[in-house]
Protein backbone atom coordinates (compact mmCIF):
# COMPACT_ATOMS: atom_id res chain seq x y z
CA MET A 1 27.65 74.96 -72.98
CA PHE A 2 25.61 73.87 -76.00
CA LEU A 3 24.46 70.28 -76.22
CA ASN A 4 25.85 68.07 -78.85
CA PRO A 5 23.13 67.86 -81.54
CA SER A 6 23.96 64.25 -82.48
CA PHE A 7 23.47 63.12 -78.85
CA GLN A 8 20.15 64.93 -78.66
CA ASN A 9 18.88 63.27 -81.87
CA LYS A 10 19.76 59.77 -80.58
CA ARG A 11 17.92 60.46 -77.35
CA LEU A 12 14.80 61.63 -79.17
CA ALA A 13 14.89 58.64 -81.49
CA SER A 14 14.86 56.12 -78.59
CA GLY A 15 11.76 57.82 -77.09
CA THR A 16 9.75 57.63 -80.31
CA ARG A 17 7.59 54.76 -81.56
CA ALA A 18 10.42 53.50 -83.71
CA GLY A 19 12.54 52.95 -80.59
CA GLN A 20 9.82 50.99 -78.79
CA ARG A 21 9.13 48.55 -81.56
CA GLY A 22 8.74 44.92 -80.23
CA SER A 23 7.87 45.74 -76.61
CA SER A 24 4.14 45.15 -77.19
CA LEU A 25 4.99 41.75 -78.67
CA VAL A 26 6.90 40.78 -75.52
CA ILE A 27 4.00 41.92 -73.31
CA ALA A 28 1.47 40.00 -75.45
CA ILE A 29 3.53 36.79 -75.24
CA PHE A 30 3.86 37.23 -71.46
CA ILE A 31 0.08 37.63 -71.09
CA LEU A 32 -0.55 34.57 -73.27
CA VAL A 33 1.83 32.44 -71.19
CA VAL A 34 0.20 33.58 -67.93
CA MET A 35 -3.29 32.85 -69.29
CA LEU A 36 -2.14 29.41 -70.49
CA LEU A 37 -0.76 28.56 -67.05
CA LEU A 38 -3.99 29.69 -65.38
CA GLY A 39 -6.03 27.59 -67.80
CA VAL A 40 -3.92 24.48 -67.14
CA ALA A 41 -4.21 24.98 -63.37
CA LEU A 42 -7.99 25.43 -63.58
CA THR A 43 -8.36 22.29 -65.72
CA ARG A 44 -6.33 20.29 -63.22
CA VAL A 45 -8.44 21.54 -60.28
CA LEU A 46 -11.70 20.71 -62.08
CA SER A 47 -10.47 17.23 -62.98
CA THR A 48 -9.41 16.50 -59.39
CA SER A 49 -12.70 17.75 -57.94
CA GLY A 50 -14.63 15.60 -60.41
CA GLU A 51 -12.75 12.48 -59.25
CA THR A 52 -13.35 13.43 -55.62
CA ILE A 53 -17.09 13.73 -56.18
CA ALA A 54 -17.18 10.38 -57.99
CA TYR A 55 -15.43 8.65 -55.07
CA GLU A 56 -17.79 10.32 -52.60
CA VAL A 57 -20.78 8.93 -54.50
CA VAL A 58 -19.28 5.44 -54.64
CA GLY A 59 -18.34 5.69 -50.95
CA ALA A 60 -21.93 6.63 -50.07
CA ARG A 61 -23.14 3.58 -52.00
CA ALA A 62 -20.68 1.33 -50.15
CA TYR A 63 -21.92 2.80 -46.86
CA GLN A 64 -25.54 2.05 -47.80
CA VAL A 65 -24.61 -1.52 -48.77
CA ALA A 66 -22.95 -2.00 -45.38
CA ASN A 67 -26.14 -0.70 -43.75
CA ILE A 68 -28.21 -3.14 -45.83
CA GLY A 69 -26.07 -5.98 -44.52
CA LEU A 70 -26.50 -4.81 -40.93
CA GLN A 71 -30.23 -4.39 -41.25
CA ARG A 72 -30.57 -7.84 -42.76
CA ARG A 73 -28.51 -9.33 -39.96
CA LEU A 74 -30.48 -7.47 -37.30
CA THR A 75 -33.77 -8.78 -38.71
CA GLU A 76 -32.32 -12.28 -38.45
CA LEU A 77 -31.17 -11.71 -34.86
CA PHE A 78 -34.37 -10.01 -33.75
CA PRO A 79 -37.28 -11.58 -35.66
CA LEU A 80 -40.69 -9.97 -35.20
CA ASN A 81 -42.77 -11.46 -32.34
CA GLU A 82 -40.10 -14.05 -31.52
CA THR A 83 -37.23 -14.32 -29.08
CA ALA A 84 -33.84 -13.00 -30.12
CA ASN A 85 -31.35 -15.40 -31.69
CA TYR A 86 -27.66 -15.74 -30.85
CA CYS A 87 -24.67 -15.23 -33.09
CA ASN A 88 -23.07 -18.55 -33.87
CA GLY A 89 -19.52 -17.65 -34.80
CA ASP A 90 -19.86 -16.02 -38.19
CA ASP A 91 -23.29 -17.55 -38.83
CA ILE A 92 -26.71 -16.76 -37.41
CA ALA A 93 -28.23 -19.55 -35.33
CA GLY A 94 -31.72 -19.98 -36.72
CA VAL A 95 -33.71 -21.00 -39.76
CA ASP A 96 -35.57 -19.18 -42.51
CA PRO A 97 -39.28 -19.77 -43.27
CA ASP A 98 -38.36 -22.78 -45.45
CA GLY A 99 -36.42 -24.41 -42.61
CA ASN A 100 -32.97 -23.70 -44.11
CA ALA A 101 -30.12 -22.54 -41.92
CA ILE A 102 -29.44 -18.81 -42.20
CA VAL A 103 -25.82 -18.13 -43.08
CA ILE A 104 -24.02 -14.82 -43.22
CA ASN A 105 -23.17 -14.59 -46.93
CA ASN A 106 -26.49 -15.78 -48.24
CA ASP A 107 -27.80 -14.93 -51.69
CA TYR A 108 -29.78 -11.98 -50.39
CA LEU A 109 -26.66 -10.09 -49.28
CA THR A 110 -24.54 -10.89 -52.31
CA SER A 111 -27.34 -10.25 -54.85
CA ILE A 112 -27.58 -6.56 -54.01
CA SER A 113 -25.98 -5.98 -57.40
CA THR A 114 -29.42 -6.32 -59.04
CA VAL A 115 -30.50 -3.06 -57.39
CA THR A 116 -30.16 -0.04 -59.69
CA GLY A 117 -27.11 2.00 -58.67
CA LEU A 118 -25.57 -0.83 -56.66
CA ASN A 119 -24.52 -2.98 -59.66
CA THR A 120 -20.89 -3.15 -58.56
CA CYS A 121 -21.57 -3.39 -54.82
CA GLN A 122 -21.74 -6.22 -52.31
CA VAL A 123 -21.48 -7.01 -48.62
CA VAL A 124 -18.02 -8.55 -48.40
CA GLU A 125 -17.74 -9.19 -44.67
CA MET A 126 -20.14 -9.53 -41.77
CA GLN A 127 -19.15 -10.23 -38.19
CA CYS A 128 -21.45 -10.91 -35.28
CA THR A 129 -20.36 -11.45 -31.69
CA ASP A 130 -22.52 -11.77 -28.61
CA PHE A 131 -22.07 -12.19 -24.88
CA LYS A 132 -24.41 -12.48 -21.93
CA VAL A 133 -24.30 -10.44 -18.72
CA ASP A 134 -27.02 -10.78 -16.05
CA ASP A 135 -29.46 -12.48 -18.43
CA VAL A 136 -29.07 -9.69 -21.04
CA VAL A 137 -27.47 -10.59 -24.36
CA TYR A 138 -25.28 -7.92 -25.97
CA TYR A 139 -24.44 -7.99 -29.66
CA ARG A 140 -21.76 -6.31 -31.75
CA LEU A 141 -22.32 -6.44 -35.49
CA THR A 142 -19.83 -5.23 -38.09
CA SER A 143 -20.62 -5.03 -41.79
CA THR A 144 -18.32 -4.13 -44.68
CA GLY A 145 -19.85 -2.86 -47.91
CA GLN A 146 -17.74 -2.61 -51.05
CA CYS A 147 -18.32 -0.95 -54.42
CA GLY A 148 -16.09 -0.86 -57.46
CA VAL A 149 -15.37 1.88 -59.98
CA GLY A 150 -13.17 0.84 -62.86
CA ASP A 151 -10.06 -0.67 -61.32
CA ASP A 152 -10.62 1.00 -57.94
CA THR A 153 -12.62 -0.34 -55.01
CA VAL A 154 -14.19 1.69 -52.21
CA SER A 155 -15.29 0.04 -48.97
CA ARG A 156 -17.04 1.27 -45.83
CA VAL A 157 -17.34 -0.43 -42.46
CA VAL A 158 -20.35 0.11 -40.19
CA GLU A 159 -20.57 -1.21 -36.64
CA VAL A 160 -23.68 -1.49 -34.48
CA GLU A 161 -24.16 -2.58 -30.89
CA ALA A 162 -27.49 -3.95 -29.70
CA ARG A 163 -28.95 -5.80 -26.74
CA SER A 164 -31.84 -8.10 -26.10
CA LEU A 165 -34.85 -6.93 -24.09
């Protein structure tokens, strides 16, 4: 009917501070491990997003270089106040102001690297095809711009269709 006093003393001892010694250390270590894992995950996410932004910038530069190539080619095909030229395979049929034949990979297109921000960029491929239907000449121009970052290369392809008037 009476409780055993030795049992009651053991039970009281486990509920006191002396019986809980070390539990706060376990909780502190657990919190530190969780915070470490969150920090590592956040660092990894930030690093990946930084790379993604860098490739987007380089990709935008490659796109602009491809547009530069197309615009140059279009000005050769459609000179101001003159009749339109024809594509001649991969070369433009026509001459520049000095009387030299205009070729696709001329110095103007490959020397884009002197422009600030486009140091590692160039037009690597340009294709021009044309065909005539009912006295109207149709053109399809494709330009590939390429920029490098370290060991990686990013390229963009732009295609334009045009017609003579």
